Structure formats: structure tokens, C-alpha cells
Amino acid sequence: MSTMAVALTALVPLADKVPSEDEIGAGWVYFVLFVLLAAAVTFLGFSLTKHLRKARANAERGVFGDEHHAS
């Protein structure tokens, strides 16, 4: 046998066993994390919309200066 085969044969008992189907699952912690991340993205979307609306209103009022010089 080659050295590689001997090394692999020695490592096989150290490998983790395959979990059964009832041991596999993301769990409640990851579900809560997913919901919190979705809420954060929603909050950021509303905040961005609000700030863009304010910036557009200020641009229409001429707060940012002369519009003819804008690129």
C-alpha cells in the first residue's frame, strides 16, 4: 500500500459520523436572526426613501445652489 492510503486509513475513524435526519436543522436562533435581518433591511429601505424624498424636495427648492452648474 502507498503511504497516502495508509494515512487515509488511519484518519477514517477520526472523521465525524453522518448525522441522522432528525439531528439536522437550522433551529429557532437562525429563524429569529433571519427575521431581525429582514426587519433591518425594511427599516433601511424606508429610511433611504425618506431621505431621498427630502433631498429631492430640497433640490427643487434650490437649497443646493444653481441647477445649471450640476453635471
PDB file of N, CA and C in Angstrom:
ATOM      1  N   MET A   1       0.828  -1.177   0.000  1.00  0.00           N
ATOM      2  CA  MET A   1       0.000   0.000   0.000  1.00  0.00           C
ATOM      3  C   MET A   1       0.872   1.239   0.000  1.00  0.00           C
ATOM      4  N   SER A   2       0.323   2.279  -0.605  1.00  0.00           N
ATOM      5  CA  SER A   2       1.081   3.520  -0.639  1.00  0.00           C
ATOM      6  C   SER A   2       0.962   4.240   0.699  1.00  0.00           C
ATOM      7  N   THR A   3       1.821   5.184   0.888  1.00  0.00           N
ATOM      8  CA  THR A   3       1.817   5.965   2.126  1.00  0.00           C
ATOM      9  C   THR A   3       0.515   6.754   2.268  1.00  0.00           C
ATOM     10  N   MET A   4      -0.003   7.250   1.148  1.00  0.00           N
ATOM     11  CA  MET A   4      -1.246   8.018   1.176  1.00  0.00           C
ATOM     12  C   MET A   4      -2.405   7.144   1.622  1.00  0.00           C
ATOM     13  N   ALA A   5      -2.496   5.926   1.160  1.00  0.00           N
ATOM     14  CA  ALA A   5      -3.573   5.019   1.537  1.00  0.00           C
ATOM     15  C   ALA A   5      -3.489   4.678   3.020  1.00  0.00           C
ATOM     16  N   VAL A   6      -2.300   4.495   3.541  1.00  0.00           N
ATOM     17  CA  VAL A   6      -2.127   4.191   4.961  1.00  0.00           C
ATOM     18  C   VAL A   6      -2.568   5.385   5.804  1.00  0.00           C
ATOM     19  N   ALA A   7      -2.215   6.591   5.363  1.00  0.00           N
ATOM     20  CA  ALA A   7      -2.592   7.797   6.096  1.00  0.00           C
ATOM     21  C   ALA A   7      -4.101   7.979   6.101  1.00  0.00           C
ATOM     22  N   LEU A   8      -4.746   7.751   4.959  1.00  0.00           N
ATOM     23  CA  LEU A   8      -6.196   7.887   4.881  1.00  0.00           C
ATOM     24  C   LEU A   8      -6.901   6.836   5.723  1.00  0.00           C
ATOM     25  N   THR A   9      -6.390   5.627   5.737  1.00  0.00           N
ATOM     26  CA  THR A   9      -6.982   4.556   6.531  1.00  0.00           C
ATOM     27  C   THR A   9      -6.893   4.886   8.019  1.00  0.00           C
ATOM     28  N   ALA A  10      -5.820   5.544   8.435  1.00  0.00           N
ATOM     29  CA  ALA A  10      -5.650   5.912   9.839  1.00  0.00           C
ATOM     30  C   ALA A  10      -6.575   7.062  10.223  1.00  0.00           C
ATOM     31  N   LEU A  11      -6.954   7.908   9.270  1.00  0.00           N
ATOM     32  CA  LEU A  11      -7.774   9.073   9.566  1.00  0.00           C
ATOM     33  C   LEU A  11      -9.280   8.789   9.535  1.00  0.00           C
ATOM     34  N   VAL A  12      -9.692   7.709   8.911  1.00  0.00           N
ATOM     35  CA  VAL A  12     -11.119   7.408   8.764  1.00  0.00           C
ATOM     36  C   VAL A  12     -11.828   7.303  10.116  1.00  0.00           C
ATOM     37  N   PRO A  13     -11.286   6.642  11.127  1.00  0.00           N
ATOM     38  CA  PRO A  13     -12.003   6.575  12.420  1.00  0.00           C
ATOM     39  C   PRO A  13     -12.135   7.943  13.097  1.00  0.00           C
ATOM     40  N   LEU A  14     -11.307   8.907  12.758  1.00  0.00           N
ATOM     41  CA  LEU A  14     -11.363  10.226  13.377  1.00  0.00           C
ATOM     42  C   LEU A  14     -12.437  11.122  12.764  1.00  0.00           C
ATOM     43  N   ALA A  15     -12.962  10.732  11.619  1.00  0.00           N
ATOM     44  CA  ALA A  15     -13.960  11.556  10.931  1.00  0.00           C
ATOM     45  C   ALA A  15     -15.292  11.518  11.688  1.00  0.00           C
ATOM     46  N   ASP A  16     -16.032  12.628  11.586  1.00  0.00           N
ATOM     47  CA  ASP A  16     -17.344  12.696  12.222  1.00  0.00           C
ATOM     48  C   ASP A  16     -18.314  11.765  11.508  1.00  0.00           C
ATOM     49  N   LYS A  17     -19.221  11.206  12.281  1.00  0.00           N
ATOM     50  CA  LYS A  17     -20.251  10.358  11.690  1.00  0.00           C
ATOM     51  C   LYS A  17     -21.320  11.257  11.054  1.00  0.00           C
ATOM     52  N   VAL A  18     -21.994  10.738  10.055  1.00  0.00           N
ATOM     53  CA  VAL A  18     -23.053  11.476   9.364  1.00  0.00           C
ATOM     54  C   VAL A  18     -24.255  11.575  10.306  1.00  0.00           C
ATOM     55  N   PRO A  19     -24.778  12.800  10.523  1.00  0.00           N
ATOM     56  CA  PRO A  19     -25.924  12.934  11.439  1.00  0.00           C
ATOM     57  C   PRO A  19     -27.190  12.377  10.816  1.00  0.00           C
ATOM     58  N   SER A  20     -28.099  11.943  11.669  1.00  0.00           N
ATOM     59  CA  SER A  20     -29.379  11.449  11.166  1.00  0.00           C
ATOM     60  C   SER A  20     -30.258  12.633  10.792  1.00  0.00           C
ATOM     61  N   GLU A  21     -31.368  12.355  10.103  1.00  0.00           N
ATOM     62  CA  GLU A  21     -32.225  13.432   9.601  1.00  0.00           C
ATOM     63  C   GLU A  21     -32.877  14.230  10.719  1.00  0.00           C
ATOM     64  N   ASP A  22     -33.123  13.615  11.873  1.00  0.00           N
ATOM     65  CA  ASP A  22     -33.741  14.364  12.964  1.00  0.00           C
ATOM     66  C   ASP A  22     -32.743  15.256  13.708  1.00  0.00           C
ATOM     67  N   GLU A  23     -31.471  15.117  13.453  1.00  0.00           N
ATOM     68  CA  GLU A  23     -30.450  15.965  14.065  1.00  0.00           C
ATOM     69  C   GLU A  23     -30.111  17.184  13.209  1.00  0.00           C
ATOM     70  N   ILE A  24     -30.654  17.239  12.001  1.00  0.00           N
ATOM     71  CA  ILE A  24     -30.320  18.315  11.070  1.00  0.00           C
ATOM     72  C   ILE A  24     -31.413  19.378  11.135  1.00  0.00           C
ATOM     73  N   GLY A  25     -31.020  20.623  11.287  1.00  0.00           N
ATOM     74  CA  GLY A  25     -31.986  21.706  11.302  1.00  0.00           C
ATOM     75  C   GLY A  25     -31.317  23.011  11.680  1.00  0.00           C
ATOM     76  N   ALA A  26     -31.838  24.092  11.155  1.00  0.00           N
ATOM     77  CA  ALA A  26     -31.239  25.395  11.426  1.00  0.00           C
ATOM     78  C   ALA A  26     -31.577  25.865  12.838  1.00  0.00           C
ATOM     79  N   GLY A  27     -32.760  25.606  13.306  1.00  0.00           N
ATOM     80  CA  GLY A  27     -33.127  25.978  14.663  1.00  0.00           C
ATOM     81  C   GLY A  27     -33.768  27.343  14.760  1.00  0.00           C
ATOM     82  N   TRP A  28     -34.287  27.617  15.957  1.00  0.00           N
ATOM     83  CA  TRP A  28     -35.019  28.853  16.209  1.00  0.00           C
ATOM     84  C   TRP A  28     -34.103  30.066  16.222  1.00  0.00           C
ATOM     85  N   VAL A  29     -32.872  29.903  16.644  1.00  0.00           N
ATOM     86  CA  VAL A  29     -31.949  31.041  16.714  1.00  0.00           C
ATOM     87  C   VAL A  29     -31.733  31.625  15.328  1.00  0.00           C
ATOM     88  N   TYR A  30     -31.549  30.792  14.347  1.00  0.00           N
ATOM     89  CA  TYR A  30     -31.318  31.276  12.993  1.00  0.00           C
ATOM     90  C   TYR A  30     -32.583  31.854  12.372  1.00  0.00           C
ATOM     91  N   PHE A  31     -33.750  31.332  12.767  1.00  0.00           N
ATOM     92  CA  PHE A  31     -35.003  31.906  12.287  1.00  0.00           C
ATOM     93  C   PHE A  31     -35.183  33.321  12.835  1.00  0.00           C
ATOM     94  N   VAL A  32     -34.910  33.497  14.126  1.00  0.00           N
ATOM     95  CA  VAL A  32     -35.006  34.828  14.735  1.00  0.00           C
ATOM     96  C   VAL A  32     -33.997  35.772  14.093  1.00  0.00           C
ATOM     97  N   LEU A  33     -32.790  35.294  13.855  1.00  0.00           N
ATOM     98  CA  LEU A  33     -31.770  36.109  13.191  1.00  0.00           C
ATOM     99  C   LEU A  33     -32.237  36.522  11.799  1.00  0.00           C
ATOM    100  N   PHE A  34     -32.842  35.613  11.061  1.00  0.00           N
ATOM    101  CA  PHE A  34     -33.362  35.910   9.730  1.00  0.00           C
ATOM    102  C   PHE A  34     -34.445  36.982   9.792  1.00  0.00           C
ATOM    103  N   VAL A  35     -35.360  36.877  10.753  1.00  0.00           N
ATOM    104  CA  VAL A  35     -36.440  37.860  10.905  1.00  0.00           C
ATOM    105  C   VAL A  35     -35.861  39.221  11.268  1.00  0.00           C
ATOM    106  N   LEU A  36     -34.878  39.256  12.173  1.00  0.00           N
ATOM    107  CA  LEU A  36     -34.249  40.528  12.552  1.00  0.00           C
ATOM    108  C   LEU A  36     -33.527  41.168  11.368  1.00  0.00           C
ATOM    109  N   LEU A  37     -32.862  40.380  10.566  1.00  0.00           N
ATOM    110  CA  LEU A  37     -32.184  40.918   9.384  1.00  0.00           C
ATOM    111  C   LEU A  37     -33.193  41.452   8.370  1.00  0.00           C
ATOM    112  N   ALA A  38     -34.298  40.758   8.199  1.00  0.00           N
ATOM    113  CA  ALA A  38     -35.347  41.235   7.292  1.00  0.00           C
ATOM    114  C   ALA A  38     -35.929  42.552   7.802  1.00  0.00           C
ATOM    115  N   ALA A  39     -36.130  42.670   9.117  1.00  0.00           N
ATOM    116  CA  ALA A  39     -36.633  43.919   9.691  1.00  0.00           C
ATOM    117  C   ALA A  39     -35.622  45.050   9.499  1.00  0.00           C
ATOM    118  N   ALA A  40     -34.347  44.765   9.645  1.00  0.00           N
ATOM    119  CA  ALA A  40     -33.314  45.784   9.457  1.00  0.00           C
ATOM    120  C   ALA A  40     -33.288  46.270   8.012  1.00  0.00           C
ATOM    121  N   VAL A  41     -33.409  45.367   7.055  1.00  0.00           N
ATOM    122  CA  VAL A  41     -33.423  45.759   5.641  1.00  0.00           C
ATOM    123  C   VAL A  41     -34.659  46.605   5.342  1.00  0.00           C
ATOM    124  N   THR A  42     -35.796  46.235   5.920  1.00  0.00           N
ATOM    125  CA  THR A  42     -37.026  47.013   5.731  1.00  0.00           C
ATOM    126  C   THR A  42     -36.860  48.419   6.305  1.00  0.00           C
ATOM    127  N   PHE A  43     -36.322  48.515   7.515  1.00  0.00           N
ATOM    128  CA  PHE A  43     -36.090  49.818   8.141  1.00  0.00           C
ATOM    129  C   PHE A  43     -35.154  50.670   7.287  1.00  0.00           C
ATOM    130  N   LEU A  44     -34.074  50.085   6.811  1.00  0.00           N
ATOM    131  CA  LEU A  44     -33.127  50.839   5.982  1.00  0.00           C
ATOM    132  C   LEU A  44     -33.766  51.292   4.675  1.00  0.00           C
ATOM    133  N   GLY A  45     -34.640  50.478   4.104  1.00  0.00           N
ATOM    134  CA  GLY A  45     -35.332  50.867   2.873  1.00  0.00           C
ATOM    135  C   GLY A  45     -36.251  52.059   3.096  1.00  0.00           C
ATOM    136  N   PHE A  46     -37.021  52.037   4.192  1.00  0.00           N
ATOM    137  CA  PHE A  46     -37.895  53.170   4.492  1.00  0.00           C
ATOM    138  C   PHE A  46     -37.085  54.423   4.797  1.00  0.00           C
ATOM    139  N   SER A  47     -35.995  54.265   5.519  1.00  0.00           N
ATOM    140  CA  SER A  47     -35.154  55.412   5.854  1.00  0.00           C
ATOM    141  C   SER A  47     -34.538  56.017   4.591  1.00  0.00           C
ATOM    142  N   LEU A  48     -34.051  55.184   3.690  1.00  0.00           N
ATOM    143  CA  LEU A  48     -33.479  55.673   2.433  1.00  0.00           C
ATOM    144  C   LEU A  48     -34.516  56.421   1.617  1.00  0.00           C
ATOM    145  N   THR A  49     -35.728  55.873   1.537  1.00  0.00           N
ATOM    146  CA  THR A  49     -36.796  56.531   0.786  1.00  0.00           C
ATOM    147  C   THR A  49     -37.111  57.904   1.373  1.00  0.00           C
ATOM    148  N   LYS A  50     -37.180  57.980   2.695  1.00  0.00           N
ATOM    149  CA  LYS A  50     -37.476  59.246   3.366  1.00  0.00           C
ATOM    150  C   LYS A  50     -36.398  60.287   3.081  1.00  0.00           C
ATOM    151  N   HIS A  51     -35.132  59.881   3.179  1.00  0.00           N
ATOM    152  CA  HIS A  51     -34.040  60.829   2.962  1.00  0.00           C
ATOM    153  C   HIS A  51     -33.939  61.254   1.497  1.00  0.00           C
ATOM    154  N   LEU A  52     -34.202  60.343   0.578  1.00  0.00           N
ATOM    155  CA  LEU A  52     -34.187  60.714  -0.836  1.00  0.00           C
ATOM    156  C   LEU A  52     -35.320  61.684  -1.160  1.00  0.00           C
ATOM    157  N   ARG A  53     -36.476  61.484  -0.530  1.00  0.00           N
ATOM    158  CA  ARG A  53     -37.607  62.390  -0.726  1.00  0.00           C
ATOM    159  C   ARG A  53     -37.258  63.792  -0.210  1.00  0.00           C
ATOM    160  N   LYS A  54     -36.605  63.867   0.946  1.00  0.00           N
ATOM    161  CA  LYS A  54     -36.194  65.160   1.499  1.00  0.00           C
ATOM    162  C   LYS A  54     -35.143  65.823   0.608  1.00  0.00           C
ATOM    163  N   ALA A  55     -34.208  65.052   0.096  1.00  0.00           N
ATOM    164  CA  ALA A  55     -33.170  65.608  -0.769  1.00  0.00           C
ATOM    165  C   ALA A  55     -33.772  66.130  -2.071  1.00  0.00           C
ATOM    166  N   ARG A  56     -34.738  65.404  -2.633  1.00  0.00           N
ATOM    167  CA  ARG A  56     -35.389  65.854  -3.863  1.00  0.00           C
ATOM    168  C   ARG A  56     -36.156  67.159  -3.620  1.00  0.00           C
ATOM    169  N   ALA A  57     -36.868  67.247  -2.486  1.00  0.00           N
ATOM    170  CA  ALA A  57     -37.611  68.459  -2.161  1.00  0.00           C
ATOM    171  C   ALA A  57     -36.658  69.635  -1.973  1.00  0.00           C
ATOM    172  N   ASN A  58     -35.539  69.415  -1.313  1.00  0.00           N
ATOM    173  CA  ASN A  58     -34.555  70.485  -1.136  1.00  0.00           C
ATOM    174  C   ASN A  58     -33.933  70.900  -2.460  1.00  0.00           C
ATOM    175  N   ALA A  59     -33.709  69.955  -3.358  1.00  0.00           N
ATOM    176  CA  ALA A  59     -33.147  70.287  -4.667  1.00  0.00           C
ATOM    177  C   ALA A  59     -34.138  71.122  -5.475  1.00  0.00           C
ATOM    178  N   GLU A  60     -35.418  70.803  -5.373  1.00  0.00           N
ATOM    179  CA  GLU A  60     -36.433  71.572  -6.100  1.00  0.00           C
ATOM    180  C   GLU A  60     -36.575  72.989  -5.544  1.00  0.00           C
ATOM    181  N   ARG A  61     -36.344  73.162  -4.248  1.00  0.00           N
ATOM    182  CA  ARG A  61     -36.398  74.487  -3.646  1.00  0.00           C
ATOM    183  C   ARG A  61     -35.126  75.292  -3.908  1.00  0.00           C
ATOM    184  N   GLY A  62     -34.085  74.654  -4.438  1.00  0.00           N
ATOM    185  CA  GLY A  62     -32.844  75.353  -4.749  1.00  0.00           C
ATOM    186  C   GLY A  62     -31.882  75.469  -3.585  1.00  0.00           C
ATOM    187  N   VAL A  63     -32.020  74.614  -2.602  1.00  0.00           N
ATOM    188  CA  VAL A  63     -31.159  74.670  -1.421  1.00  0.00           C
ATOM    189  C   VAL A  63     -29.709  74.363  -1.779  1.00  0.00           C
ATOM    190  N   PHE A  64     -29.492  73.533  -2.781  1.00  0.00           N
ATOM    191  CA  PHE A  64     -28.146  73.084  -3.108  1.00  0.00           C
ATOM    192  C   PHE A  64     -27.424  74.005  -4.081  1.00  0.00           C
ATOM    193  N   GLY A  65     -28.019  75.086  -4.486  1.00  0.00           N
ATOM    194  CA  GLY A  65     -27.363  76.019  -5.383  1.00  0.00           C
ATOM    195  C   GLY A  65     -27.995  76.011  -6.762  1.00  0.00           C
ATOM    196  N   ASP A  66     -27.316  76.623  -7.710  1.00  0.00           N
ATOM    197  CA  ASP A  66     -27.818  76.778  -9.067  1.00  0.00           C
ATOM    198  C   ASP A  66     -27.810  75.426  -9.781  1.00  0.00           C
ATOM    199  N   GLU A  67     -28.957  75.057 -10.352  1.00  0.00           N
ATOM    200  CA  GLU A  67     -29.060  73.752 -11.031  1.00  0.00           C
ATOM    201  C   GLU A  67     -28.354  73.724 -12.389  1.00  0.00           C
ATOM    202  N   HIS A  68     -28.044  74.891 -12.941  1.00  0.00           N
ATOM    203  CA  HIS A  68     -27.404  74.926 -14.264  1.00  0.00           C
ATOM    204  C   HIS A  68     -25.958  74.453 -14.207  1.00  0.00           C
ATOM    205  N   HIS A  69     -25.361  74.483 -13.037  1.00  0.00           N
ATOM    206  CA  HIS A  69     -23.968  74.043 -12.914  1.00  0.00           C
ATOM    207  C   HIS A  69     -23.848  72.570 -12.534  1.00  0.00           C
ATOM    208  N   ALA A  70     -24.955  71.905 -12.309  1.00  0.00           N
ATOM    209  CA  ALA A  70     -24.926  70.485 -11.952  1.00  0.00           C
ATOM    210  C   ALA A  70     -24.577  69.658 -13.180  1.00  0.00           C
ATOM    211  N   SER A  71     -23.823  68.588 -12.957  1.00  0.00           N
ATOM    212  CA  SER A  71     -23.418  67.720 -14.062  1.00  0.00           C
ATOM    213  C   SER A  71     -24.430  66.645 -14.302  1.00  0.00           C
TER     214      SER A  71
END
